[in-house]
C-alpha atoms as a PDB file:
ATOM      1  CA  MET A   1      42.043   3.664 122.811  1.00  0.00           C
ATOM      2  CA  ALA A   2      41.753   7.276 123.070  1.00  0.00           C
ATOM      3  CA  VAL A   3      41.086   9.463 120.068  1.00  0.00           C
ATOM      4  CA  GLU A   4      42.524  12.953 119.911  1.00  0.00           C
ATOM      5  CA  ILE A   5      41.167  15.434 117.372  1.00  0.00           C
ATOM      6  CA  ARG A   6      43.287  18.379 116.680  1.00  0.00           C
ATOM      7  CA  PHE A   7      41.875  21.696 115.972  1.00  0.00           C
ATOM      8  CA  THR A   8      42.860  24.838 114.149  1.00  0.00           C
ATOM      9  CA  ALA A   9      41.051  28.238 114.832  1.00  0.00           C
ATOM     10  CA  ALA A  10      39.444  27.632 111.456  1.00  0.00           C
ATOM     11  CA  SER A  11      38.027  24.137 112.327  1.00  0.00           C
ATOM     12  CA  VAL A  12      36.662  25.363 115.722  1.00  0.00           C
ATOM     13  CA  ALA A  13      34.632  27.894 113.789  1.00  0.00           C
ATOM     14  CA  ARG A  14      33.235  25.254 111.705  1.00  0.00           C
ATOM     15  CA  VAL A  15      31.776  22.949 114.568  1.00  0.00           C
ATOM     16  CA  ARG A  16      28.210  22.142 113.167  1.00  0.00           C
ATOM     17  CA  PHE A  17      25.290  19.682 113.968  1.00  0.00           C
ATOM     18  CA  ALA A  18      23.612  17.180 111.651  1.00  0.00           C
ATOM     19  CA  VAL A  19      21.243  14.189 111.811  1.00  0.00           C
ATOM     20  CA  SER A  20      21.978  11.421 109.681  1.00  0.00           C
ATOM     21  CA  PRO A  21      19.203   8.770 108.670  1.00  0.00           C
ATOM     22  CA  LEU A  22      21.703   6.646 107.074  1.00  0.00           C
ATOM     23  CA  GLY A  23      24.143   6.530 110.017  1.00  0.00           C
ATOM     24  CA  GLU A  24      20.982   5.529 112.264  1.00  0.00           C
ATOM     25  CA  THR A  25      20.083   2.749 109.909  1.00  0.00           C
ATOM     26  CA  VAL A  26      23.575   1.414 109.783  1.00  0.00           C
ATOM     27  CA  LEU A  27      23.714   1.580 113.533  1.00  0.00           C
ATOM     28  CA  ALA A  28      20.235   0.023 113.938  1.00  0.00           C
ATOM     29  CA  LEU A  29      21.484  -2.982 111.832  1.00  0.00           C
ATOM     30  CA  ARG A  30      24.633  -3.414 114.066  1.00  0.00           C
ATOM     31  CA  LEU A  31      22.162  -3.893 116.876  1.00  0.00           C
ATOM     32  CA  LEU A  32      20.121  -6.430 115.097  1.00  0.00           C
ATOM     33  CA  LEU A  33      23.007  -8.420 113.525  1.00  0.00           C
ATOM     34  CA  GLY A  34      24.861  -8.597 116.932  1.00  0.00           C
ATOM     35  CA  THR A  35      23.878 -10.118 120.259  1.00  0.00           C
ATOM     36  CA  GLY A  36      24.632  -6.931 122.530  1.00  0.00           C
ATOM     37  CA  GLY A  37      23.039  -3.620 122.685  1.00  0.00           C
ATOM     38  CA  HIS A  38      21.707  -1.516 125.596  1.00  0.00           C
ATOM     39  CA  ALA A  39      18.555  -2.647 127.284  1.00  0.00           C
ATOM     40  CA  VAL A  40      16.694   0.585 126.329  1.00  0.00           C
ATOM     41  CA  HIS A  41      16.707  -0.595 122.792  1.00  0.00           C
ATOM     42  CA  ARG A  42      15.251  -4.143 123.411  1.00  0.00           C
ATOM     43  CA  PRO A  43      11.622  -3.212 122.884  1.00  0.00           C
ATOM     44  CA  TRP A  44      12.421  -2.041 119.423  1.00  0.00           C
ATOM     45  CA  VAL A  45      14.793  -4.890 118.586  1.00  0.00           C
ATOM     46  CA  ARG A  46      12.080  -7.553 119.362  1.00  0.00           C
ATOM     47  CA  GLY A  47       9.830  -5.905 116.907  1.00  0.00           C
ATOM     48  CA  ALA A  48      12.563  -5.125 114.323  1.00  0.00           C
ATOM     49  CA  ARG A  49      14.468  -8.389 113.984  1.00  0.00           C
ATOM     50  CA  PRO A  50      11.900 -10.199 112.341  1.00  0.00           C
ATOM     51  CA  LEU A  51      11.730  -7.536 109.596  1.00  0.00           C
ATOM     52  CA  LEU A  52      15.191  -8.538 108.389  1.00  0.00           C
ATOM     53  CA  THR A  53      13.883 -12.063 107.282  1.00  0.00           C
ATOM     54  CA  GLY A  54      14.125 -12.390 103.574  1.00  0.00           C
ATOM     55  CA  GLU A  55      16.713  -9.583 102.989  1.00  0.00           C
ATOM     56  CA  PRO A  56      18.683 -10.717 100.029  1.00  0.00           C
ATOM     57  CA  GLU A  57      21.802  -8.906 100.860  1.00  0.00           C
ATOM     58  CA  LEU A  58      21.983 -10.064 104.600  1.00  0.00           C
ATOM     59  CA  PRO A  59      25.345 -11.737 104.068  1.00  0.00           C
ATOM     60  CA  LEU A  60      26.902  -8.592 102.601  1.00  0.00           C
ATOM     61  CA  LEU A  61      25.458  -6.376 105.380  1.00  0.00           C
ATOM     62  CA  ARG A  62      26.530  -9.010 107.960  1.00  0.00           C
ATOM     63  CA  ALA A  63      30.157  -9.060 106.699  1.00  0.00           C
ATOM     64  CA  LEU A  64      30.341  -5.156 106.626  1.00  0.00           C
ATOM     65  CA  ILE A  65      28.446  -4.248 109.708  1.00  0.00           C
ATOM     66  CA  ALA A  66      28.619  -7.129 112.340  1.00  0.00           C
ATOM     67  CA  GLY A  67      32.323  -6.165 113.139  1.00  0.00           C
ATOM     68  CA  PRO A  68      34.182  -2.976 113.125  1.00  0.00           C
ATOM     69  CA  LEU A  69      32.293  -0.597 110.966  1.00  0.00           C
ATOM     70  CA  PRO A  70      34.005   1.024 107.752  1.00  0.00           C
ATOM     71  CA  SER A  71      33.947   4.881 107.563  1.00  0.00           C
ATOM     72  CA  PHE A  72      32.534   4.813 103.989  1.00  0.00           C
ATOM     73  CA  LEU A  73      29.117   3.610 105.728  1.00  0.00           C
ATOM     74  CA  PHE A  74      28.985   7.082 107.488  1.00  0.00           C
ATOM     75  CA  PRO A  75      29.563   9.882 104.831  1.00  0.00           C
ATOM     76  CA  VAL A  76      29.606  13.287 106.572  1.00  0.00           C
ATOM     77  CA  PRO A  77      26.271  15.039 106.109  1.00  0.00           C
ATOM     78  CA  GLN A  78      26.593  18.189 103.940  1.00  0.00           C
ATOM     79  CA  GLU A  79      23.536  19.541 105.443  1.00  0.00           C
ATOM     80  CA  ARG A  80      21.755  19.528 108.809  1.00  0.00           C
ATOM     81  CA  MET A  81      18.940  17.353 108.080  1.00  0.00           C
ATOM     82  CA  PRO A  82      19.757  15.296 104.803  1.00  0.00           C
ATOM     83  CA  SER A  83      17.463  12.840 103.317  1.00  0.00           C
ATOM     84  CA  MET A  84      18.163   9.184 103.194  1.00  0.00           C
ATOM     85  CA  ALA A  85      18.466   9.518  99.263  1.00  0.00           C
ATOM     86  CA  THR A  86      21.048  12.152  99.618  1.00  0.00           C
ATOM     87  CA  GLU A  87      23.037  10.223 101.902  1.00  0.00           C
ATOM     88  CA  LEU A  88      23.012   7.054  99.668  1.00  0.00           C
ATOM     89  CA  GLU A  89      24.253   9.224  96.778  1.00  0.00           C
ATOM     90  CA  LEU A  90      27.290   9.994  98.918  1.00  0.00           C
ATOM     91  CA  LEU A  91      27.716   6.435  99.836  1.00  0.00           C
ATOM     92  CA  ARG A  92      27.637   5.502  96.192  1.00  0.00           C
ATOM     93  CA  ALA A  93      30.115   8.125  95.373  1.00  0.00           C
ATOM     94  CA  THR A  94      32.892   6.866  97.752  1.00  0.00           C
ATOM     95  CA  GLU A  95      36.353   7.210  96.168  1.00  0.00           C
ATOM     96  CA  GLU A  96      37.676   3.862  95.309  1.00  0.00           C
ATOM     97  CA  ALA A  97      41.069   3.988  97.058  1.00  0.00           C
ATOM     98  CA  PHE A  98      39.168   4.897 100.420  1.00  0.00           C
ATOM     99  CA  PHE A  99      36.662   2.136  99.703  1.00  0.00           C
ATOM    100  CA  ARG A 100      39.324  -0.512  99.147  1.00  0.00           C
ATOM    101  CA  ARG A 101      41.383   0.538 102.140  1.00  0.00           C
ATOM    102  CA  GLU A 102      38.320   0.508 104.503  1.00  0.00           C
ATOM    103  CA  TYR A 103      36.992  -2.770 102.892  1.00  0.00           C
ATOM    104  CA  GLY A 104      40.152  -4.523 103.397  1.00  0.00           C
ATOM    105  CA  ALA A 105      40.725  -3.426 106.864  1.00  0.00           C
ATOM    106  CA  VAL A 106      37.184  -4.510 107.972  1.00  0.00           C
ATOM    107  CA  LEU A 107      37.168  -7.866 106.237  1.00  0.00           C
ATOM    108  CA  GLY A 108      40.959  -8.598 106.748  1.00  0.00           C
ATOM    109  CA  VAL A 109      42.021  -8.735 102.964  1.00  0.00           C
ATOM    110  CA  PRO A 110      44.825  -6.829 101.147  1.00  0.00           C
ATOM    111  CA  GLU A 111      43.502  -3.621  99.531  1.00  0.00           C
ATOM    112  CA  GLU A 112      44.608  -4.864  96.112  1.00  0.00           C
ATOM    113  CA  GLU A 113      42.180  -8.004  96.711  1.00  0.00           C
ATOM    114  CA  ALA A 114      39.203  -5.864  97.734  1.00  0.00           C
ATOM    115  CA  PRO A 115      36.504  -5.688  95.064  1.00  0.00           C
ATOM    116  CA  ALA A 116      35.864  -2.550  93.092  1.00  0.00           C
ATOM    117  CA  PRO A 117      33.338  -0.134  94.588  1.00  0.00           C
ATOM    118  CA  ALA A 118      31.024  -0.606  91.588  1.00  0.00           C
ATOM    119  CA  ALA A 119      30.558  -4.243  92.551  1.00  0.00           C
ATOM    120  CA  VAL A 120      29.543  -3.666  96.103  1.00  0.00           C
ATOM    121  CA  LEU A 121      28.273  -0.034  96.658  1.00  0.00           C
ATOM    122  CA  PRO A 122      24.964  -0.144  94.556  1.00  0.00           C
ATOM    123  CA  ARG A 123      23.846  -3.342  96.070  1.00  0.00           C
ATOM    124  CA  LEU A 124      24.784  -2.099  99.508  1.00  0.00           C
ATOM    125  CA  ALA A 125      22.966   1.101  98.883  1.00  0.00           C
ATOM    126  CA  GLU A 126      19.723  -0.634  97.822  1.00  0.00           C
ATOM    127  CA  ALA A 127      19.963  -3.077 100.839  1.00  0.00           C
ATOM    128  CA  LEU A 128      20.303   0.021 102.997  1.00  0.00           C
ATOM    129  CA  GLN A 129      17.341   1.788 101.563  1.00  0.00           C
ATOM    130  CA  ARG A 130      15.174  -1.258 102.177  1.00  0.00           C
ATOM    131  CA  CYS A 131      16.260  -1.673 105.738  1.00  0.00           C
ATOM    132  CA  HIS A 132      15.739   1.974 106.331  1.00  0.00           C
ATOM    133  CA  GLU A 133      12.111   1.640 104.801  1.00  0.00           C
ATOM    134  CA  ARG A 134      11.495  -1.364 107.147  1.00  0.00           C
ATOM    135  CA  LEU A 135      13.294  -0.589 110.386  1.00  0.00           C
ATOM    136  CA  ILE A 136      13.524   3.116 110.578  1.00  0.00           C
ATOM    137  CA  ALA A 137      10.944   4.924 108.668  1.00  0.00           C
ATOM    138  CA  PRO A 138       7.975   3.881 110.756  1.00  0.00           C
ATOM    139  CA  HIS A 139       9.706   5.466 113.755  1.00  0.00           C
ATOM    140  CA  TRP A 140      11.444   8.229 112.058  1.00  0.00           C
ATOM    141  CA  ARG A 141       9.161  11.065 113.037  1.00  0.00           C
ATOM    142  CA  ARG A 142       9.562  10.349 116.635  1.00  0.00           C
ATOM    143  CA  MET A 143      13.292   9.662 116.273  1.00  0.00           C
ATOM    144  CA  ARG A 144      13.731  13.034 114.423  1.00  0.00           C
ATOM    145  CA  ALA A 145      11.996  14.866 117.141  1.00  0.00           C
ATOM    146  CA  VAL A 146      14.223  13.511 119.768  1.00  0.00           C
ATOM    147  CA  LEU A 147      17.418  14.213 117.644  1.00  0.00           C
ATOM    148  CA  GLU A 148      16.343  17.725 116.597  1.00  0.00           C
ATOM    149  CA  ALA A 149      15.425  18.604 120.121  1.00  0.00           C
ATOM    150  CA  ASP A 150      18.749  17.524 121.350  1.00  0.00           C
ATOM    151  CA  VAL A 151      20.681  19.581 118.550  1.00  0.00           C
ATOM    152  CA  GLY A 152      18.503  22.610 119.805  1.00  0.00           C
ATOM    153  CA  ARG A 153      19.650  22.341 123.326  1.00  0.00           C
ATOM    154  CA  ARG A 154      23.292  21.741 122.423  1.00  0.00           C
ATOM    155  CA  ALA A 155      23.184  24.724 119.996  1.00  0.00           C
ATOM    156  CA  LEU A 156      22.044  26.995 122.870  1.00  0.00           C
ATOM    157  CA  THR A 157      24.876  25.755 125.125  1.00  0.00           C
ATOM    158  CA  LEU A 158      27.238  26.603 122.228  1.00  0.00           C
ATOM    159  CA  VAL A 159      25.736  30.110 121.825  1.00  0.00           C
ATOM    160  CA  ASP A 160      25.735  30.685 125.797  1.00  0.00           C
ATOM    161  CA  GLY A 161      29.058  29.065 126.669  1.00  0.00           C
ATOM    162  CA  GLY A 162      31.168  28.465 123.563  1.00  0.00           C
ATOM    163  CA  VAL A 163      32.892  25.340 122.251  1.00  0.00           C
ATOM    164  CA  GLN A 164      34.268  24.454 125.867  1.00  0.00           C
ATOM    165  CA  ALA A 165      30.877  24.373 127.373  1.00  0.00           C
ATOM    166  CA  LEU A 166      29.391  22.405 124.554  1.00  0.00           C
ATOM    167  CA  PHE A 167      32.049  19.598 124.998  1.00  0.00           C
ATOM    168  CA  ALA A 168      31.868  19.636 128.615  1.00  0.00           C
ATOM    169  CA  GLU A 169      28.241  18.518 128.603  1.00  0.00           C
ATOM    170  CA  LEU A 170      28.230  16.490 125.455  1.00  0.00           C
ATOM    171  CA  HIS A 171      29.457  12.934 127.208  1.00  0.00           C
ATOM    172  CA  ARG A 172      31.594  11.862 129.869  1.00  0.00           C
ATOM    173  CA  ASP A 173      34.122  10.298 127.580  1.00  0.00           C
ATOM    174  CA  ILE A 174      34.801  13.625 125.822  1.00  0.00           C
ATOM    175  CA  ALA A 175      37.167  16.259 127.025  1.00  0.00           C
ATOM    176  CA  TRP A 176      38.213  19.619 125.427  1.00  0.00           C
ATOM    177  CA  ASP A 177      41.909  20.396 126.419  1.00  0.00           C
ATOM    178  CA  ASP A 178      43.084  23.671 124.888  1.00  0.00           C
ATOM    179  CA  GLY A 179      42.175  23.138 121.348  1.00  0.00           C
ATOM    180  CA  GLN A 180      42.355  19.379 121.379  1.00  0.00           C
ATOM    181  CA  LEU A 181      39.258  17.096 121.829  1.00  0.00           C
ATOM    182  CA  VAL A 182      40.054  13.709 123.501  1.00  0.00           C
ATOM    183  CA  VAL A 183      37.462  11.107 123.012  1.00  0.00           C
ATOM    184  CA  HIS A 184      37.179   7.629 124.730  1.00  0.00           C
ATOM    185  CA  GLY A 185      39.393   7.452 127.798  1.00  0.00           C
ATOM    186  CA  ARG A 186      42.388   9.053 128.989  1.00  0.00           C
ATOM    187  CA  ARG A 187      45.481   9.811 127.197  1.00  0.00           C
ATOM    188  CA  THR A 188      48.201   7.175 127.994  1.00  0.00           C
ATOM    189  CA  PRO A 189      51.439   6.282 126.169  1.00  0.00           C
ATOM    190  CA  HIS A 190      50.921   4.379 122.912  1.00  0.00           C
ATOM    191  CA  SER A 191      47.072   4.363 123.254  1.00  0.00           C
ATOM    192  CA  VAL A 192      46.143   7.703 121.360  1.00  0.00           C
ATOM    193  CA  ARG A 193      45.106   7.863 117.851  1.00  0.00           C
ATOM    194  CA  THR A 194      45.397  11.377 116.327  1.00  0.00           C
ATOM    195  CA  VAL A 195      42.727  12.777 113.851  1.00  0.00           C
ATOM    196  CA  ASP A 196      43.558  16.183 112.391  1.00  0.00           C
ATOM    197  CA  ALA A 197      40.383  18.124 111.665  1.00  0.00           C
ATOM    198  CA  GLY A 198      42.433  20.499 109.708  1.00  0.00           C
ATOM    199  CA  GLY A 199      40.305  23.642 108.424  1.00  0.00           C
ATOM    200  CA  HIS A 200      37.448  21.291 107.659  1.00  0.00           C
ATOM    201  CA  GLY A 201      35.767  21.499 110.992  1.00  0.00           C
ATOM    202  CA  LEU A 202      33.807  19.004 113.088  1.00  0.00           C
ATOM    203  CA  VAL A 203      30.099  17.659 112.690  1.00  0.00           C
ATOM    204  CA  LEU A 204      28.377  16.386 115.736  1.00  0.00           C
ATOM    205  CA  LEU A 205      25.625  13.949 115.228  1.00  0.00           C
ATOM    206  CA  PRO A 206      23.206  13.118 117.889  1.00  0.00           C
ATOM    207  CA  SER A 207      22.357   9.330 117.747  1.00  0.00           C
ATOM    208  CA  VAL A 208      19.468   7.173 118.706  1.00  0.00           C
ATOM    209  CA  PHE A 209      21.171   3.710 117.959  1.00  0.00           C
ATOM    210  CA  ASN A 210      24.743   4.726 119.231  1.00  0.00           C
ATOM    211  CA  TRP A 211      23.288   5.206 122.484  1.00  0.00           C
ATOM    212  CA  PRO A 212      24.815   5.257 125.204  1.00  0.00           C
ATOM    213  CA  HIS A 213      28.190   5.308 123.528  1.00  0.00           C
ATOM    214  CA  VAL A 214      30.229   7.912 121.658  1.00  0.00           C
ATOM    215  CA  GLY A 215      31.511   7.051 118.008  1.00  0.00           C
ATOM    216  CA  VAL A 216      34.406   8.854 116.236  1.00  0.00           C
ATOM    217  CA  ASP A 217      35.377   8.579 112.673  1.00  0.00           C
ATOM    218  CA  LYS A 218      38.927   7.631 112.870  1.00  0.00           C
ATOM    219  CA  SER A 219      39.499   7.877 109.137  1.00  0.00           C
ATOM    220  CA  PRO A 220      37.937  10.988 107.922  1.00  0.00           C
ATOM    221  CA  VAL A 221      38.362  12.040 104.217  1.00  0.00           C
ATOM    222  CA  THR A 222      37.810  15.793 105.112  1.00  0.00           C
ATOM    223  CA  THR A 223      35.553  16.846 107.969  1.00  0.00           C
ATOM    224  CA  ALA A 224      35.785  15.009 111.259  1.00  0.00           C
ATOM    225  CA  SER A 225      32.665  13.653 112.965  1.00  0.00           C
ATOM    226  CA  ILE A 226      31.505  12.340 116.190  1.00  0.00           C
ATOM    227  CA  ARG A 227      28.298  10.608 117.035  1.00  0.00           C
ATOM    228  CA  TYR A 228      27.093  11.079 120.525  1.00  0.00           C
ATOM    229  CA  PRO A 229      23.988   9.720 122.418  1.00  0.00           C
ATOM    230  CA  ALA A 230      21.034  11.978 122.184  1.00  0.00           C
ATOM    231  CA  VAL A 231      19.034  12.823 125.380  1.00  0.00           C
ATOM    232  CA  GLY A 232      15.525  11.471 125.443  1.00  0.00           C
ATOM    233  CA  VAL A 233      16.134   7.978 123.741  1.00  0.00           C
ATOM    234  CA  GLY A 234      14.572   6.190 126.434  1.00  0.00           C
ATOM    235  CA  LEU A 235      11.471   7.945 125.761  1.00  0.00           C
ATOM    236  CA  LEU A 236      11.101   6.380 122.361  1.00  0.00           C
ATOM    237  CA  TRP A 237      10.386   2.797 122.936  1.00  0.00           C
ATOM    238  CA  GLU A 238       8.610   2.850 126.431  1.00  0.00           C
ATOM    239  CA  ASP A 239       5.641   0.716 126.509  1.00  0.00           C
ATOM    240  CA  PRO A 240       2.312   2.701 127.617  1.00  0.00           C
ATOM    241  CA  PRO A 241       0.223   1.703 130.213  1.00  0.00           C
ATOM    242  CA  PRO A 242      -2.972  -0.336 129.394  1.00  0.00           C
ATOM    243  CA  ALA A 243      -5.598   1.883 127.634  1.00  0.00           C
ATOM    244  CA  PRO A 244      -7.769   3.582 129.864  1.00  0.00           C
ATOM    245  CA  THR A 245     -11.526   3.073 130.181  1.00  0.00           C
ATOM    246  CA  GLY A 246     -12.166   6.639 129.043  1.00  0.00           C
ATOM    247  CA  LEU A 247     -10.317   9.700 128.160  1.00  0.00           C
ATOM    248  CA  ALA A 248     -13.004  12.260 129.544  1.00  0.00           C
ATOM    249  CA  PRO A 249     -11.046  12.449 132.907  1.00  0.00           C
ATOM    250  CA  VAL A 250      -7.766  13.198 130.898  1.00  0.00           C
ATOM    251  CA  LEU A 251      -8.830  15.944 128.319  1.00  0.00           C
ATOM    252  CA  GLY A 252      -9.334  19.628 128.853  1.00  0.00           C
ATOM    253  CA  HIS A 253      -7.740  22.976 127.437  1.00  0.00           C
ATOM    254  CA  THR A 254      -4.508  22.680 129.173  1.00  0.00           C
ATOM    255  CA  ARG A 255      -3.854  18.815 128.794  1.00  0.00           C
ATOM    256  CA  ALA A 256      -4.844  19.107 125.119  1.00  0.00           C
ATOM    257  CA  ALA A 257      -2.085  21.897 124.809  1.00  0.00           C
ATOM    258  CA  LEU A 258       0.313  19.657 126.630  1.00  0.00           C
ATOM    259  CA  LEU A 259      -0.189  16.818 124.068  1.00  0.00           C
ATOM    260  CA  THR A 260       0.188  19.205 121.277  1.00  0.00           C
ATOM    261  CA  ALA A 261       3.477  20.666 122.574  1.00  0.00           C
ATOM    262  CA  LEU A 262       4.920  17.250 123.378  1.00  0.00           C
ATOM    263  CA  ALA A 263       5.441  16.345 119.681  1.00  0.00           C
ATOM    264  CA  GLU A 264       9.040  17.022 120.670  1.00  0.00           C
ATOM    265  CA  PRO A 265      10.629  16.123 123.999  1.00  0.00           C
ATOM    266  CA  LEU A 266      10.380  19.019 126.465  1.00  0.00           C
ATOM    267  CA  THR A 267      11.170  19.535 130.126  1.00  0.00           C
ATOM    268  CA  THR A 268       8.555  20.555 132.680  1.00  0.00           C
ATOM    269  CA  THR A 269      10.221  24.116 132.644  1.00  0.00           C
ATOM    270  CA  ASP A 270       9.905  24.300 128.858  1.00  0.00           C
ATOM    271  CA  LEU A 271       6.057  23.228 129.016  1.00  0.00           C
ATOM    272  CA  ALA A 272       5.535  25.727 131.872  1.00  0.00           C
ATOM    273  CA  GLY A 273       6.950  28.520 129.699  1.00  0.00           C
ATOM    274  CA  ARG A 274       4.972  27.672 126.592  1.00  0.00           C
ATOM    275  CA  LEU A 275       1.826  27.365 128.279  1.00  0.00           C
ATOM    276  CA  GLY A 276       2.061  30.146 130.701  1.00  0.00           C
ATOM    277  CA  ILE A 277       1.554  27.950 133.843  1.00  0.00           C
ATOM    278  CA  THR A 278       3.375  27.084 136.843  1.00  0.00           C
ATOM    279  CA  PRO A 279       5.766  23.962 136.775  1.00  0.00           C
ATOM    280  CA  SER A 280       3.752  22.329 139.504  1.00  0.00           C
ATOM    281  CA  ALA A 281       0.582  22.467 137.402  1.00  0.00           C
ATOM    282  CA  VAL A 282       2.346  21.131 134.502  1.00  0.00           C
ATOM    283  CA  SER A 283       3.615  18.300 136.701  1.00  0.00           C
ATOM    284  CA  GLN A 284       0.130  17.610 137.954  1.00  0.00           C
ATOM    285  CA  HIS A 285      -1.350  17.353 134.425  1.00  0.00           C
ATOM    286  CA  LEU A 286       1.539  15.196 133.182  1.00  0.00           C
ATOM    287  CA  GLY A 287       0.724  12.987 135.906  1.00  0.00           C
ATOM    288  CA  ALA A 288      -2.861  12.191 134.512  1.00  0.00           C
ATOM    289  CA  LEU A 289      -1.553  12.034 131.104  1.00  0.00           C
ATOM    290  CA  ARG A 290       1.084   9.316 132.147  1.00  0.00           C
ATOM    291  CA  GLY A 291      -1.695   7.418 133.662  1.00  0.00           C
ATOM    292  CA  ALA A 292      -3.700   7.370 130.462  1.00  0.00           C
ATOM    293  CA  GLY A 293      -0.693   6.102 128.543  1.00  0.00           C
ATOM    294  CA  LEU A 294      -0.341   9.478 126.564  1.00  0.00           C
ATOM    295  CA  VAL A 295       2.911  10.722 127.973  1.00  0.00           C
ATOM    296  CA  ALA A 296       6.218   9.057 128.481  1.00  0.00           C
ATOM    297  CA  THR A 297       8.651  10.633 130.983  1.00  0.00           C
ATOM    298  CA  GLN A 298      12.527  10.099 131.388  1.00  0.00           C
ATOM    299  CA  ARG A 299      14.474  11.481 134.272  1.00  0.00           C
ATOM    300  CA  ARG A 300      18.150  12.444 133.988  1.00  0.00           C
ATOM    301  CA  GLY A 301      19.458  13.760 137.263  1.00  0.00           C
ATOM    302  CA  ARG A 302      17.031  16.462 138.369  1.00  0.00           C
ATOM    303  CA  THR A 303      15.659  16.934 134.999  1.00  0.00           C
ATOM    304  CA  ALA A 304      12.541  15.210 133.619  1.00  0.00           C
ATOM    305  CA  LEU A 305      12.230  14.925 129.835  1.00  0.00           C
ATOM    306  CA  HIS A 306       8.755  14.351 128.419  1.00  0.00           C
ATOM    307  CA  LEU A 307       7.265  13.120 124.956  1.00  0.00           C
ATOM    308  CA  ARG A 308       3.860  12.151 123.840  1.00  0.00           C
ATOM    309  CA  THR A 309       3.318   8.394 123.116  1.00  0.00           C
ATOM    310  CA  GLU A 310       2.276   6.808 119.754  1.00  0.00           C
ATOM    311  CA  ARG A 311      -1.442   6.532 121.408  1.00  0.00           C
ATOM    312  CA  ALA A 312      -1.321  10.273 121.909  1.00  0.00           C
ATOM    313  CA  ASP A 313      -0.091  10.859 118.332  1.00  0.00           C
ATOM    314  CA  HIS A 314      -3.600   9.508 117.306  1.00  0.00           C
ATOM    315  CA  LEU A 315      -5.544  11.221 119.883  1.00  0.00           C
ATOM    316  CA  VAL A 316      -4.221  14.608 118.566  1.00  0.00           C
ATOM    317  CA  GLY A 317      -4.779  13.610 114.938  1.00  0.00           C
ATOM    318  CA  ASP A 318      -1.051  13.542 113.960  1.00  0.00           C
ATOM    319  CA  PRO A 319      -1.299  12.555 110.296  1.00  0.00           C
ATOM    320  CA  ALA A 320       2.236  11.333 110.190  1.00  0.00           C
ATOM    321  CA  ALA A 321       1.507   8.962 113.182  1.00  0.00           C
ATOM    322  CA  VAL A 322      -1.644   7.523 111.324  1.00  0.00           C
ATOM    323  CA  SER A 323       0.312   7.009 108.279  1.00  0.00           C
ATOM    324  CA  ARG A 324       3.172   5.393 110.076  1.00  0.00           C
ATOM    325  CA  THR A 325       0.904   2.952 111.990  1.00  0.00           C
ATOM    326  CA  SER A 326      -1.096   2.001 108.913  1.00  0.00           C
ATOM    327  CA  SER A 327       2.050   1.265 106.877  1.00  0.00           C
ATOM    328  CA  THR A 328       3.304  -1.037 109.610  1.00  0.00           C
ATOM    329  CA  GLY A 329       0.106  -2.936 109.800  1.00  0.00           C
ATOM    330  CA  MET A 330      -0.522  -2.093 113.650  1.00  0.00           C
END
């Protein structure tokens, strides 16, 4: 089924970006509680799945997340980078009629038989907080770097080419057609669901765990939203090569500067501009850093995107990386 989002001039002017730690937690749980998921996430799944052992609300999470996802699990962020606590407050404040309708649709029960929000949402919020701390928080710094870098690139496209250019490159399943946004397939008779953005606008959320798919909120209360796969997700879980016998052949002023810059995903051209050296020189240094297990590279067409590994985080003395590794016992 295709989803058609209708815009007014006011809603087009309110297209914005946001990153959602709650949304990523829910989507991560969907991967762990299901049997599918793209191969790019398998290294993470192998390490994360045992962390769900002993979660007391696992039956509730499985009931709500293993199948079609209810919209109340994805409150639209009101700011670009909300905290998990802020998003959980939005979840707890879900309006009763909306909760009952979504709960009933997902679990296949009449709305009038759905439980009251007060009987479910506090338990659900606490469970999602625990899952976030176990599954997402240890990796959030790197995830956030990938997501924020994606937002930065999309924002430049919006500034340079407008809304049409932005949607043209967002995902192959998204098409902008004279004030209407069509997501998921072509429009055919009896297969289109219409969402009216009204004057509330549209929030675009880059996602790690929805990769490589696009997700649309088909029942927005106010602002419409789309989750799209962020560029560079493949860099997050790449296993580094074996540790080198020594770092002396790798280090030097230029390579140290490259590692410092690669706290966020950057292209070869980006790095050349920042360091004031040629792209060919950047490529040569990156080759050595990759061989030492300090940089991961993902290619997309003719573009290569680079990010330093967790091993490199320690080498450059990133305190967030050290804290993250200590908290996971690695």
